[in-house]
C-alpha cells in the first residue's frame, strides 16, 4: 500500500523561521516546499498542488493576508487549507472575514502547536 505524503508550502521571509518550520515538518513525514516571498505562490500552487499553505502575514510586496484572500476567494483553490502565522494578537478577529485563513499560528509558537495545527488542517 502506497503512503501518500502530504505536501506543505511555507511562505516565510525570515530564513531562520523557514528553516525551523521546514525541519520540524519534514521530521513529521511531510514533504515541504518553501518560498521567501509571495510572488511565486500561485504559480507554485498551480504546478505542485500542495495540501496546505502556511503563510506569514508580513511579506514584502503582496502580504500574506492578501495572498490568503486570493486563495480563499478563487474557486479552484478555495478548499486549500491556509494557516496564517502572525505576531499580531488581534489577528483572530480576522477569522470571521471573507477570505480568511483556516487557522492562525501565533508567533512565537512551540513545535507541538505547529504540528497539531498542521495535522488538524490536513485531517479536516
PDB file of N, CA and C in Angstrom:
ATOM      1  N   UNK A   1       0.832  -1.181   0.000  1.00  0.00           N
ATOM      2  CA  UNK A   1       0.000   0.000   0.000  1.00  0.00           C
ATOM      3  C   UNK A   1       0.877   1.245   0.000  1.00  0.00           C
ATOM      4  N   UNK A   2       0.631   2.142  -0.923  1.00  0.00           N
ATOM      5  CA  UNK A   2       1.410   3.366  -1.004  1.00  0.00           C
ATOM      6  C   UNK A   2       0.962   4.365   0.059  1.00  0.00           C
ATOM      7  N   UNK A   3       1.944   4.976   0.683  1.00  0.00           N
ATOM      8  CA  UNK A   3       1.648   6.036   1.644  1.00  0.00           C
ATOM      9  C   UNK A   3       1.682   7.358   0.884  1.00  0.00           C
ATOM     10  N   UNK A   4       0.617   8.110   1.016  1.00  0.00           N
ATOM     11  CA  UNK A   4       0.562   9.412   0.350  1.00  0.00           C
ATOM     12  C   UNK A   4       1.124  10.462   1.302  1.00  0.00           C
ATOM     13  N   UNK A   5       2.206  11.083   0.875  1.00  0.00           N
ATOM     14  CA  UNK A   5       2.842  12.112   1.693  1.00  0.00           C
ATOM     15  C   UNK A   5       2.164  13.450   1.399  1.00  0.00           C
ATOM     16  N   UNK A   6       1.758  14.123   2.444  1.00  0.00           N
ATOM     17  CA  UNK A   6       1.111  15.431   2.297  1.00  0.00           C
ATOM     18  C   UNK A   6       2.159  16.493   2.000  1.00  0.00           C
ATOM     19  N   UNK A   7       1.820  17.385   1.058  1.00  0.00           N
ATOM     20  CA  UNK A   7       2.722  18.462   0.649  1.00  0.00           C
ATOM     21  C   UNK A   7       2.313  19.768   1.325  1.00  0.00           C
ATOM     22  N   UNK A   8       3.292  20.436   1.900  1.00  0.00           N
ATOM     23  CA  UNK A   8       3.055  21.703   2.582  1.00  0.00           C
ATOM     24  C   UNK A   8       3.927  22.777   1.952  1.00  0.00           C
ATOM     25  N   UNK A   9       3.303  23.907   1.662  1.00  0.00           N
ATOM     26  CA  UNK A   9       4.026  25.077   1.165  1.00  0.00           C
ATOM     27  C   UNK A   9       4.138  26.083   2.295  1.00  0.00           C
ATOM     28  N   UNK A  10       5.365  26.474   2.619  1.00  0.00           N
ATOM     29  CA  UNK A  10       5.613  27.514   3.619  1.00  0.00           C
ATOM     30  C   UNK A  10       6.050  28.773   2.881  1.00  0.00           C
ATOM     31  N   UNK A  11       5.393  29.898   3.168  1.00  0.00           N
ATOM     32  CA  UNK A  11       5.781  31.180   2.597  1.00  0.00           C
ATOM     33  C   UNK A  11       6.198  32.064   3.769  1.00  0.00           C
ATOM     34  N   UNK A  12       7.501  32.262   3.897  1.00  0.00           N
ATOM     35  CA  UNK A  12       8.070  32.935   5.069  1.00  0.00           C
ATOM     36  C   UNK A  12       9.339  33.663   4.668  1.00  0.00           C
ATOM     37  N   UNK A  13       9.423  34.959   4.981  1.00  0.00           N
ATOM     38  CA  UNK A  13      10.607  35.750   4.626  1.00  0.00           C
ATOM     39  C   UNK A  13      11.801  35.506   5.539  1.00  0.00           C
ATOM     40  N   UNK A  14      11.541  35.204   6.787  1.00  0.00           N
ATOM     41  CA  UNK A  14      12.616  35.012   7.750  1.00  0.00           C
ATOM     42  C   UNK A  14      13.283  33.655   7.495  1.00  0.00           C
ATOM     43  N   UNK A  15      14.536  33.658   7.030  1.00  0.00           N
ATOM     44  CA  UNK A  15      15.205  32.397   6.671  1.00  0.00           C
ATOM     45  C   UNK A  15      15.289  31.411   7.841  1.00  0.00           C
ATOM     46  N   UNK A  16      15.536  31.903   9.039  1.00  0.00           N
ATOM     47  CA  UNK A  16      15.636  31.017  10.200  1.00  0.00           C
ATOM     48  C   UNK A  16      14.284  30.383  10.516  1.00  0.00           C
ATOM     49  N   UNK A  17      13.219  31.183  10.498  1.00  0.00           N
ATOM     50  CA  UNK A  17      11.878  30.670  10.769  1.00  0.00           C
ATOM     51  C   UNK A  17      11.497  29.623   9.713  1.00  0.00           C
ATOM     52  N   UNK A  18      11.809  29.916   8.448  1.00  0.00           N
ATOM     53  CA  UNK A  18      11.511  28.993   7.358  1.00  0.00           C
ATOM     54  C   UNK A  18      12.260  27.671   7.563  1.00  0.00           C
ATOM     55  N   UNK A  19      13.527  27.774   7.916  1.00  0.00           N
ATOM     56  CA  UNK A  19      14.352  26.586   8.110  1.00  0.00           C
ATOM     57  C   UNK A  19      13.832  25.738   9.275  1.00  0.00           C
ATOM     58  N   UNK A  20      13.466  26.384  10.369  1.00  0.00           N
ATOM     59  CA  UNK A  20      12.968  25.668  11.547  1.00  0.00           C
ATOM     60  C   UNK A  20      11.652  24.958  11.237  1.00  0.00           C
ATOM     61  N   UNK A  21      10.702  25.664  10.610  1.00  0.00           N
ATOM     62  CA  UNK A  21       9.415  25.045  10.280  1.00  0.00           C
ATOM     63  C   UNK A  21       9.601  23.893   9.294  1.00  0.00           C
ATOM     64  N   UNK A  22      10.457  24.094   8.302  1.00  0.00           N
ATOM     65  CA  UNK A  22      10.729  23.050   7.308  1.00  0.00           C
ATOM     66  C   UNK A  22      11.300  21.806   7.987  1.00  0.00           C
ATOM     67  N   UNK A  23      12.286  22.001   8.828  1.00  0.00           N
ATOM     68  CA  UNK A  23      12.944  20.903   9.540  1.00  0.00           C
ATOM     69  C   UNK A  23      11.931  20.119  10.382  1.00  0.00           C
ATOM     70  N   UNK A  24      11.126  20.835  11.148  1.00  0.00           N
ATOM     71  CA  UNK A  24      10.129  20.188  12.017  1.00  0.00           C
ATOM     72  C   UNK A  24       9.153  19.355  11.188  1.00  0.00           C
ATOM     73  N   UNK A  25       8.596  19.964  10.135  1.00  0.00           N
ATOM     74  CA  UNK A  25       7.556  19.287   9.355  1.00  0.00           C
ATOM     75  C   UNK A  25       8.107  18.111   8.545  1.00  0.00           C
ATOM     76  N   UNK A  26       9.333  18.221   8.051  1.00  0.00           N
ATOM     77  CA  UNK A  26       9.965  17.095   7.356  1.00  0.00           C
ATOM     78  C   UNK A  26      10.143  15.923   8.329  1.00  0.00           C
ATOM     79  N   UNK A  27      10.539  16.240   9.560  1.00  0.00           N
ATOM     80  CA  UNK A  27      10.728  15.193  10.571  1.00  0.00           C
ATOM     81  C   UNK A  27       9.419  14.527  10.962  1.00  0.00           C
ATOM     82  N   UNK A  28       8.295  15.169  10.696  1.00  0.00           N
ATOM     83  CA  UNK A  28       6.989  14.558  10.949  1.00  0.00           C
ATOM     84  C   UNK A  28       6.424  13.894   9.695  1.00  0.00           C
ATOM     85  N   UNK A  29       7.256  13.773   8.660  1.00  0.00           N
ATOM     86  CA  UNK A  29       6.877  12.992   7.492  1.00  0.00           C
ATOM     87  C   UNK A  29       6.215  13.753   6.354  1.00  0.00           C
ATOM     88  N   UNK A  30       6.218  15.085   6.428  1.00  0.00           N
ATOM     89  CA  UNK A  30       5.612  15.876   5.361  1.00  0.00           C
ATOM     90  C   UNK A  30       6.651  16.235   4.301  1.00  0.00           C
ATOM     91  N   UNK A  31       6.175  16.451   3.086  1.00  0.00           N
ATOM     92  CA  UNK A  31       7.025  16.984   2.018  1.00  0.00           C
ATOM     93  C   UNK A  31       6.847  18.496   2.072  1.00  0.00           C
ATOM     94  N   UNK A  32       7.931  19.217   2.249  1.00  0.00           N
ATOM     95  CA  UNK A  32       7.843  20.655   2.497  1.00  0.00           C
ATOM     96  C   UNK A  32       8.546  21.434   1.391  1.00  0.00           C
ATOM     97  N   UNK A  33       7.868  22.479   0.938  1.00  0.00           N
ATOM     98  CA  UNK A  33       8.410  23.416  -0.036  1.00  0.00           C
ATOM     99  C   UNK A  33       8.387  24.786   0.622  1.00  0.00           C
ATOM    100  N   UNK A  34       9.341  25.636   0.296  1.00  0.00           N
ATOM    101  CA  UNK A  34       9.381  26.942   0.930  1.00  0.00           C
ATOM    102  C   UNK A  34       9.657  28.041  -0.094  1.00  0.00           C
ATOM    103  N   UNK A  35       8.938  29.125   0.073  1.00  0.00           N
ATOM    104  CA  UNK A  35       9.150  30.327  -0.734  1.00  0.00           C
ATOM    105  C   UNK A  35       9.419  31.480   0.228  1.00  0.00           C
ATOM    106  N   UNK A  36      10.311  32.393  -0.178  1.00  0.00           N
ATOM    107  CA  UNK A  36      10.646  33.506   0.713  1.00  0.00           C
ATOM    108  C   UNK A  36       9.820  34.756   0.443  1.00  0.00           C
ATOM    109  N   UNK A  37       8.971  34.716  -0.600  1.00  0.00           N
ATOM    110  CA  UNK A  37       8.067  35.847  -0.844  1.00  0.00           C
ATOM    111  C   UNK A  37       6.808  35.331  -1.540  1.00  0.00           C
ATOM    112  N   UNK A  38       5.832  36.212  -1.647  1.00  0.00           N
ATOM    113  CA  UNK A  38       4.542  35.800  -2.183  1.00  0.00           C
ATOM    114  C   UNK A  38       4.409  35.833  -3.687  1.00  0.00           C
ATOM    115  N   UNK A  39       5.450  36.284  -4.382  1.00  0.00           N
ATOM    116  CA  UNK A  39       5.335  36.477  -5.831  1.00  0.00           C
ATOM    117  C   UNK A  39       5.096  35.194  -6.617  1.00  0.00           C
ATOM    118  N   UNK A  40       5.596  34.076  -6.127  1.00  0.00           N
ATOM    119  CA  UNK A  40       5.502  32.809  -6.863  1.00  0.00           C
ATOM    120  C   UNK A  40       4.441  31.861  -6.322  1.00  0.00           C
ATOM    121  N   UNK A  41       3.685  32.295  -5.317  1.00  0.00           N
ATOM    122  CA  UNK A  41       2.753  31.402  -4.630  1.00  0.00           C
ATOM    123  C   UNK A  41       1.747  30.755  -5.579  1.00  0.00           C
ATOM    124  N   UNK A  42       1.107  31.544  -6.408  1.00  0.00           N
ATOM    125  CA  UNK A  42       0.029  30.996  -7.244  1.00  0.00           C
ATOM    126  C   UNK A  42       0.565  30.086  -8.335  1.00  0.00           C
ATOM    127  N   UNK A  43       1.715  30.421  -8.871  1.00  0.00           N
ATOM    128  CA  UNK A  43       2.369  29.560  -9.859  1.00  0.00           C
ATOM    129  C   UNK A  43       2.741  28.228  -9.196  1.00  0.00           C
ATOM    130  N   UNK A  44       3.267  28.307  -7.971  1.00  0.00           N
ATOM    131  CA  UNK A  44       3.647  27.098  -7.251  1.00  0.00           C
ATOM    132  C   UNK A  44       2.423  26.223  -6.976  1.00  0.00           C
ATOM    133  N   UNK A  45       1.347  26.842  -6.482  1.00  0.00           N
ATOM    134  CA  UNK A  45       0.131  26.088  -6.170  1.00  0.00           C
ATOM    135  C   UNK A  45      -0.402  25.389  -7.417  1.00  0.00           C
ATOM    136  N   UNK A  46      -0.426  26.106  -8.522  1.00  0.00           N
ATOM    137  CA  UNK A  46      -0.931  25.536  -9.773  1.00  0.00           C
ATOM    138  C   UNK A  46      -0.076  24.347 -10.219  1.00  0.00           C
ATOM    139  N   UNK A  47       1.237  24.480 -10.115  1.00  0.00           N
ATOM    140  CA  UNK A  47       2.141  23.440 -10.612  1.00  0.00           C
ATOM    141  C   UNK A  47       2.346  22.273  -9.656  1.00  0.00           C
ATOM    142  N   UNK A  48       2.151  22.480  -8.348  1.00  0.00           N
ATOM    143  CA  UNK A  48       2.508  21.450  -7.362  1.00  0.00           C
ATOM    144  C   UNK A  48       1.362  20.969  -6.477  1.00  0.00           C
ATOM    145  N   UNK A  49       0.230  21.643  -6.509  1.00  0.00           N
ATOM    146  CA  UNK A  49      -0.944  21.277  -5.707  1.00  0.00           C
ATOM    147  C   UNK A  49      -0.613  20.861  -4.266  1.00  0.00           C
ATOM    148  N   UNK A  50      -0.132  21.799  -3.459  1.00  0.00           N
ATOM    149  CA  UNK A  50       0.127  21.455  -2.058  1.00  0.00           C
ATOM    150  C   UNK A  50      -1.186  21.138  -1.336  1.00  0.00           C
ATOM    151  N   UNK A  51      -1.072  20.413  -0.224  1.00  0.00           N
ATOM    152  CA  UNK A  51      -2.243  20.053   0.580  1.00  0.00           C
ATOM    153  C   UNK A  51      -2.534  21.109   1.644  1.00  0.00           C
ATOM    154  N   UNK A  52      -1.559  21.985   1.897  1.00  0.00           N
ATOM    155  CA  UNK A  52      -1.678  23.003   2.941  1.00  0.00           C
ATOM    156  C   UNK A  52      -0.699  24.127   2.644  1.00  0.00           C
ATOM    157  N   UNK A  53      -1.095  25.358   2.968  1.00  0.00           N
ATOM    158  CA  UNK A  53      -0.200  26.509   2.841  1.00  0.00           C
ATOM    159  C   UNK A  53      -0.059  27.151   4.210  1.00  0.00           C
ATOM    160  N   UNK A  54       1.189  27.394   4.614  1.00  0.00           N
ATOM    161  CA  UNK A  54       1.469  28.149   5.835  1.00  0.00           C
ATOM    162  C   UNK A  54       2.049  29.483   5.383  1.00  0.00           C
ATOM    163  N   UNK A  55       1.336  30.556   5.701  1.00  0.00           N
ATOM    164  CA  UNK A  55       1.681  31.892   5.215  1.00  0.00           C
ATOM    165  C   UNK A  55       2.068  32.816   6.349  1.00  0.00           C
ATOM    166  N   UNK A  56       3.173  33.515   6.209  1.00  0.00           N
ATOM    167  CA  UNK A  56       3.488  34.594   7.140  1.00  0.00           C
ATOM    168  C   UNK A  56       2.599  35.772   6.767  1.00  0.00           C
ATOM    169  N   UNK A  57       2.077  36.491   7.750  1.00  0.00           N
ATOM    170  CA  UNK A  57       1.193  37.611   7.403  1.00  0.00           C
ATOM    171  C   UNK A  57       1.965  38.829   6.907  1.00  0.00           C
ATOM    172  N   UNK A  58       3.258  38.917   7.245  1.00  0.00           N
ATOM    173  CA  UNK A  58       4.052  40.072   6.816  1.00  0.00           C
ATOM    174  C   UNK A  58       5.065  39.618   5.765  1.00  0.00           C
ATOM    175  N   UNK A  59       4.808  39.997   4.529  1.00  0.00           N
ATOM    176  CA  UNK A  59       5.711  39.690   3.421  1.00  0.00           C
ATOM    177  C   UNK A  59       5.921  40.962   2.605  1.00  0.00           C
ATOM    178  N   UNK A  60       7.079  41.085   1.950  1.00  0.00           N
ATOM    179  CA  UNK A  60       7.306  42.228   1.065  1.00  0.00           C
ATOM    180  C   UNK A  60       6.445  42.087  -0.182  1.00  0.00           C
ATOM    181  N   UNK A  61       6.033  43.186  -0.762  1.00  0.00           N
ATOM    182  CA  UNK A  61       5.174  43.139  -1.942  1.00  0.00           C
ATOM    183  C   UNK A  61       3.767  42.789  -1.507  1.00  0.00           C
ATOM    184  N   UNK A  62       3.218  41.719  -2.052  1.00  0.00           N
ATOM    185  CA  UNK A  62       1.887  41.269  -1.668  1.00  0.00           C
ATOM    186  C   UNK A  62       2.016  40.578  -0.300  1.00  0.00           C
ATOM    187  N   UNK A  63       1.179  40.984   0.667  1.00  0.00           N
ATOM    188  CA  UNK A  63       1.327  40.405   2.002  1.00  0.00           C
ATOM    189  C   UNK A  63       0.510  39.124   2.158  1.00  0.00           C
ATOM    190  N   UNK A  64       0.751  38.427   3.252  1.00  0.00           N
ATOM    191  CA  UNK A  64       0.117  37.141   3.494  1.00  0.00           C
ATOM    192  C   UNK A  64      -1.402  37.205   3.535  1.00  0.00           C
ATOM    193  N   UNK A  65      -1.937  38.269   4.092  1.00  0.00           N
ATOM    194  CA  UNK A  65      -3.394  38.401   4.172  1.00  0.00           C
ATOM    195  C   UNK A  65      -4.004  38.505   2.776  1.00  0.00           C
ATOM    196  N   UNK A  66      -3.355  39.261   1.904  1.00  0.00           N
ATOM    197  CA  UNK A  66      -3.847  39.398   0.527  1.00  0.00           C
ATOM    198  C   UNK A  66      -3.761  38.065  -0.218  1.00  0.00           C
ATOM    199  N   UNK A  67      -2.654  37.356  -0.036  1.00  0.00           N
ATOM    200  CA  UNK A  67      -2.490  36.054  -0.678  1.00  0.00           C
ATOM    201  C   UNK A  67      -3.573  35.095  -0.198  1.00  0.00           C
ATOM    202  N   UNK A  68      -3.812  35.090   1.113  1.00  0.00           N
ATOM    203  CA  UNK A  68      -4.825  34.218   1.685  1.00  0.00           C
ATOM    204  C   UNK A  68      -6.197  34.510   1.080  1.00  0.00           C
ATOM    205  N   UNK A  69      -6.553  35.781   0.987  1.00  0.00           N
ATOM    206  CA  UNK A  69      -7.847  36.145   0.400  1.00  0.00           C
ATOM    207  C   UNK A  69      -7.951  35.669  -1.037  1.00  0.00           C
ATOM    208  N   UNK A  70      -6.876  35.849  -1.799  1.00  0.00           N
ATOM    209  CA  UNK A  70      -6.892  35.418  -3.195  1.00  0.00           C
ATOM    210  C   UNK A  70      -7.047  33.899  -3.306  1.00  0.00           C
ATOM    211  N   UNK A  71      -6.402  33.151  -2.403  1.00  0.00           N
ATOM    212  CA  UNK A  71      -6.544  31.691  -2.399  1.00  0.00           C
ATOM    213  C   UNK A  71      -7.979  31.309  -2.060  1.00  0.00           C
ATOM    214  N   UNK A  72      -8.504  31.908  -0.999  1.00  0.00           N
ATOM    215  CA  UNK A  72      -9.820  31.519  -0.486  1.00  0.00           C
ATOM    216  C   UNK A  72     -10.983  31.982  -1.374  1.00  0.00           C
ATOM    217  N   UNK A  73     -10.801  33.050  -2.130  1.00  0.00           N
ATOM    218  CA  UNK A  73     -11.875  33.565  -2.968  1.00  0.00           C
ATOM    219  C   UNK A  73     -11.822  33.025  -4.398  1.00  0.00           C
ATOM    220  N   UNK A  74     -10.814  32.193  -4.698  1.00  0.00           N
ATOM    221  CA  UNK A  74     -10.674  31.581  -6.013  1.00  0.00           C
ATOM    222  C   UNK A  74     -11.319  30.198  -5.980  1.00  0.00           C
ATOM    223  N   UNK A  75     -12.210  29.911  -6.914  1.00  0.00           N
ATOM    224  CA  UNK A  75     -12.931  28.631  -6.929  1.00  0.00           C
ATOM    225  C   UNK A  75     -12.000  27.419  -6.930  1.00  0.00           C
ATOM    226  N   UNK A  76     -10.899  27.500  -7.661  1.00  0.00           N
ATOM    227  CA  UNK A  76     -10.018  26.333  -7.789  1.00  0.00           C
ATOM    228  C   UNK A  76      -9.159  26.089  -6.548  1.00  0.00           C
ATOM    229  N   UNK A  77      -8.973  27.107  -5.693  1.00  0.00           N
ATOM    230  CA  UNK A  77      -8.122  26.945  -4.509  1.00  0.00           C
ATOM    231  C   UNK A  77      -8.861  27.204  -3.197  1.00  0.00           C
ATOM    232  N   UNK A  78     -10.144  27.458  -3.252  1.00  0.00           N
ATOM    233  CA  UNK A  78     -10.881  27.863  -2.042  1.00  0.00           C
ATOM    234  C   UNK A  78     -10.884  26.797  -0.944  1.00  0.00           C
ATOM    235  N   UNK A  79     -10.722  25.531  -1.305  1.00  0.00           N
ATOM    236  CA  UNK A  79     -10.713  24.469  -0.297  1.00  0.00           C
ATOM    237  C   UNK A  79      -9.314  24.142   0.221  1.00  0.00           C
ATOM    238  N   UNK A  80      -8.311  24.837  -0.289  1.00  0.00           N
ATOM    239  CA  UNK A  80      -6.933  24.619   0.159  1.00  0.00           C
ATOM    240  C   UNK A  80      -6.776  25.219   1.560  1.00  0.00           C
ATOM    241  N   UNK A  81      -6.441  24.390   2.569  1.00  0.00           N
ATOM    242  CA  UNK A  81      -6.287  24.937   3.917  1.00  0.00           C
ATOM    243  C   UNK A  81      -5.108  25.912   4.000  1.00  0.00           C
ATOM    244  N   UNK A  82      -5.337  27.016   4.703  1.00  0.00           N
ATOM    245  CA  UNK A  82      -4.305  28.031   4.893  1.00  0.00           C
ATOM    246  C   UNK A  82      -4.168  28.316   6.388  1.00  0.00           C
ATOM    247  N   UNK A  83      -2.933  28.213   6.878  1.00  0.00           N
ATOM    248  CA  UNK A  83      -2.612  28.624   8.242  1.00  0.00           C
ATOM    249  C   UNK A  83      -1.791  29.898   8.128  1.00  0.00           C
ATOM    250  N   UNK A  84      -2.236  30.941   8.796  1.00  0.00           N
ATOM    251  CA  UNK A  84      -1.526  32.219   8.791  1.00  0.00           C
ATOM    252  C   UNK A  84      -0.665  32.303  10.045  1.00  0.00           C
ATOM    253  N   UNK A  85       0.599  32.669   9.882  1.00  0.00           N
ATOM    254  CA  UNK A  85       1.485  32.906  11.016  1.00  0.00           C
ATOM    255  C   UNK A  85       1.506  34.399  11.293  1.00  0.00           C
ATOM    256  N   UNK A  86       1.289  34.754  12.545  1.00  0.00           N
ATOM    257  CA  UNK A  86       1.216  36.174  12.865  1.00  0.00           C
ATOM    258  C   UNK A  86       1.703  36.448  14.275  1.00  0.00           C
ATOM    259  N   UNK A  87       2.359  37.567  14.420  1.00  0.00           N
ATOM    260  CA  UNK A  87       2.739  38.053  15.740  1.00  0.00           C
ATOM    261  C   UNK A  87       1.681  38.986  16.297  1.00  0.00           C
ATOM    262  N   UNK A  88       0.634  39.223  15.529  1.00  0.00           N
ATOM    263  CA  UNK A  88      -0.451  40.135  15.901  1.00  0.00           C
ATOM    264  C   UNK A  88      -1.481  39.398  16.747  1.00  0.00           C
ATOM    265  N   UNK A  89      -1.607  39.785  18.010  1.00  0.00           N
ATOM    266  CA  UNK A  89      -2.558  39.133  18.913  1.00  0.00           C
ATOM    267  C   UNK A  89      -4.003  39.335  18.498  1.00  0.00           C
ATOM    268  N   UNK A  90      -4.268  40.352  17.715  1.00  0.00           N
ATOM    269  CA  UNK A  90      -5.650  40.663  17.336  1.00  0.00           C
ATOM    270  C   UNK A  90      -6.047  40.015  16.013  1.00  0.00           C
ATOM    271  N   UNK A  91      -5.160  39.206  15.463  1.00  0.00           N
ATOM    272  CA  UNK A  91      -5.402  38.616  14.151  1.00  0.00           C
ATOM    273  C   UNK A  91      -6.602  37.678  14.151  1.00  0.00           C
ATOM    274  N   UNK A  92      -6.900  37.048  15.294  1.00  0.00           N
ATOM    275  CA  UNK A  92      -8.017  36.102  15.369  1.00  0.00           C
ATOM    276  C   UNK A  92      -9.341  36.733  14.959  1.00  0.00           C
ATOM    277  N   UNK A  93      -9.469  38.031  15.153  1.00  0.00           N
ATOM    278  CA  UNK A  93     -10.695  38.727  14.753  1.00  0.00           C
ATOM    279  C   UNK A  93     -10.932  38.596  13.248  1.00  0.00           C
ATOM    280  N   UNK A  94      -9.860  38.447  12.491  1.00  0.00           N
ATOM    281  CA  UNK A  94      -9.966  38.328  11.037  1.00  0.00           C
ATOM    282  C   UNK A  94     -10.512  36.975  10.588  1.00  0.00           C
ATOM    283  N   UNK A  95     -10.623  36.013  11.494  1.00  0.00           N
ATOM    284  CA  UNK A  95     -11.088  34.676  11.121  1.00  0.00           C
ATOM    285  C   UNK A  95     -12.560  34.639  10.737  1.00  0.00           C
ATOM    286  N   UNK A  96     -13.254  35.743  10.937  1.00  0.00           N
ATOM    287  CA  UNK A  96     -14.665  35.795  10.552  1.00  0.00           C
ATOM    288  C   UNK A  96     -14.852  36.537   9.231  1.00  0.00           C
ATOM    289  N   UNK A  97     -13.787  37.101   8.701  1.00  0.00           N
ATOM    290  CA  UNK A  97     -13.859  37.881   7.464  1.00  0.00           C
ATOM    291  C   UNK A  97     -13.886  36.963   6.244  1.00  0.00           C
ATOM    292  N   UNK A  98     -14.409  37.485   5.150  1.00  0.00           N
ATOM    293  CA  UNK A  98     -14.424  36.745   3.890  1.00  0.00           C
ATOM    294  C   UNK A  98     -12.978  36.552   3.412  1.00  0.00           C
ATOM    295  N   UNK A  99     -12.660  35.345   2.988  1.00  0.00           N
ATOM    296  CA  UNK A  99     -11.307  35.071   2.512  1.00  0.00           C
ATOM    297  C   UNK A  99     -10.298  34.876   3.627  1.00  0.00           C
ATOM    298  N   UNK A 100     -10.767  34.552   4.829  1.00  0.00           N
ATOM    299  CA  UNK A 100      -9.872  34.422   5.978  1.00  0.00           C
ATOM    300  C   UNK A 100      -9.146  33.072   5.968  1.00  0.00           C
ATOM    301  N   UNK A 101      -8.042  32.978   6.719  1.00  0.00           N
ATOM    302  CA  UNK A 101      -7.335  31.691   6.818  1.00  0.00           C
ATOM    303  C   UNK A 101      -8.159  30.690   7.622  1.00  0.00           C
ATOM    304  N   UNK A 102      -7.785  29.430   7.539  1.00  0.00           N
ATOM    305  CA  UNK A 102      -8.469  28.387   8.298  1.00  0.00           C
ATOM    306  C   UNK A 102      -8.058  28.400   9.768  1.00  0.00           C
ATOM    307  N   UNK A 103      -6.854  28.900  10.025  1.00  0.00           N
ATOM    308  CA  UNK A 103      -6.377  28.987  11.399  1.00  0.00           C
ATOM    309  C   UNK A 103      -5.224  29.983  11.466  1.00  0.00           C
ATOM    310  N   UNK A 104      -4.894  30.392  12.696  1.00  0.00           N
ATOM    311  CA  UNK A 104      -3.796  31.333  12.919  1.00  0.00           C
ATOM    312  C   UNK A 104      -2.828  30.725  13.918  1.00  0.00           C
ATOM    313  N   UNK A 105      -1.570  30.701  13.542  1.00  0.00           N
ATOM    314  CA  UNK A 105      -0.500  30.237  14.411  1.00  0.00           C
ATOM    315  C   UNK A 105       0.213  31.480  14.925  1.00  0.00           C
ATOM    316  N   UNK A 106       0.111  31.718  16.225  1.00  0.00           N
ATOM    317  CA  UNK A 106       0.693  32.933  16.800  1.00  0.00           C
ATOM    318  C   UNK A 106       2.181  32.754  17.075  1.00  0.00           C
ATOM    319  N   UNK A 107       2.957  33.744  16.634  1.00  0.00           N
ATOM    320  CA  UNK A 107       4.395  33.761  16.895  1.00  0.00           C
ATOM    321  C   UNK A 107       4.622  34.436  18.245  1.00  0.00           C
ATOM    322  N   UNK A 108       5.540  33.986  19.044  1.00  0.00           N
ATOM    323  CA  UNK A 108       6.305  32.752  18.852  1.00  0.00           C
ATOM    324  C   UNK A 108       5.438  31.540  19.180  1.00  0.00           C
ATOM    325  N   UNK A 109       5.702  30.424  18.505  1.00  0.00           N
ATOM    326  CA  UNK A 109       4.925  29.210  18.730  1.00  0.00           C
ATOM    327  C   UNK A 109       5.865  28.071  19.108  1.00  0.00           C
ATOM    328  N   UNK A 110       5.303  27.018  19.681  1.00  0.00           N
ATOM    329  CA  UNK A 110       6.131  25.854  20.006  1.00  0.00           C
ATOM    330  C   UNK A 110       5.884  24.765  18.966  1.00  0.00           C
ATOM    331  N   UNK A 111       6.746  23.771  18.965  1.00  0.00           N
ATOM    332  CA  UNK A 111       6.681  22.686  17.981  1.00  0.00           C
ATOM    333  C   UNK A 111       5.332  21.980  18.027  1.00  0.00           C
ATOM    334  N   UNK A 112       4.847  21.700  19.234  1.00  0.00           N
ATOM    335  CA  UNK A 112       3.583  20.982  19.388  1.00  0.00           C
ATOM    336  C   UNK A 112       2.434  21.744  18.738  1.00  0.00           C
ATOM    337  N   UNK A 113       2.378  23.044  18.952  1.00  0.00           N
ATOM    338  CA  UNK A 113       1.302  23.854  18.359  1.00  0.00           C
ATOM    339  C   UNK A 113       1.334  23.775  16.841  1.00  0.00           C
ATOM    340  N   UNK A 114       2.515  23.910  16.264  1.00  0.00           N
ATOM    341  CA  UNK A 114       2.668  23.848  14.808  1.00  0.00           C
ATOM    342  C   UNK A 114       2.216  22.490  14.282  1.00  0.00           C
ATOM    343  N   UNK A 115       2.747  21.420  14.856  1.00  0.00           N
ATOM    344  CA  UNK A 115       2.464  20.069  14.366  1.00  0.00           C
ATOM    345  C   UNK A 115       0.988  19.720  14.528  1.00  0.00           C
ATOM    346  N   UNK A 116       0.394  20.060  15.665  1.00  0.00           N
ATOM    347  CA  UNK A 116      -1.019  19.757  15.894  1.00  0.00           C
ATOM    348  C   UNK A 116      -1.924  20.543  14.955  1.00  0.00           C
ATOM    349  N   UNK A 117      -1.600  21.811  14.721  1.00  0.00           N
ATOM    350  CA  UNK A 117      -2.422  22.630  13.825  1.00  0.00           C
ATOM    351  C   UNK A 117      -2.345  22.096  12.392  1.00  0.00           C
ATOM    352  N   UNK A 118      -1.150  21.733  11.952  1.00  0.00           N
ATOM    353  CA  UNK A 118      -0.965  21.190  10.611  1.00  0.00           C
ATOM    354  C   UNK A 118      -1.761  19.881  10.468  1.00  0.00           C
ATOM    355  N   UNK A 119      -1.623  18.988  11.445  1.00  0.00           N
ATOM    356  CA  UNK A 119      -2.332  17.698  11.391  1.00  0.00           C
ATOM    357  C   UNK A 119      -3.837  17.919  11.369  1.00  0.00           C
ATOM    358  N   UNK A 120      -4.331  18.845  12.165  1.00  0.00           N
ATOM    359  CA  UNK A 120      -5.756  19.124  12.228  1.00  0.00           C
ATOM    360  C   UNK A 120      -6.277  19.650  10.882  1.00  0.00           C
ATOM    361  N   UNK A 121      -5.554  20.582  10.269  1.00  0.00           N
ATOM    362  CA  UNK A 121      -5.987  21.152   8.999  1.00  0.00           C
ATOM    363  C   UNK A 121      -5.931  20.119   7.877  1.00  0.00           C
ATOM    364  N   UNK A 122      -4.963  19.243   7.907  1.00  0.00           N
ATOM    365  CA  UNK A 122      -4.839  18.217   6.863  1.00  0.00           C
ATOM    366  C   UNK A 122      -5.901  17.124   7.038  1.00  0.00           C
ATOM    367  N   UNK A 123      -6.370  16.938   8.265  1.00  0.00           N
ATOM    368  CA  UNK A 123      -7.408  15.921   8.525  1.00  0.00           C
ATOM    369  C   UNK A 123      -8.813  16.444   8.244  1.00  0.00           C
ATOM    370  N   UNK A 124      -8.963  17.777   8.234  1.00  0.00           N
ATOM    371  CA  UNK A 124     -10.300  18.375   8.081  1.00  0.00           C
ATOM    372  C   UNK A 124     -10.882  18.089   6.711  1.00  0.00           C
TER     373      UNK A 124
END
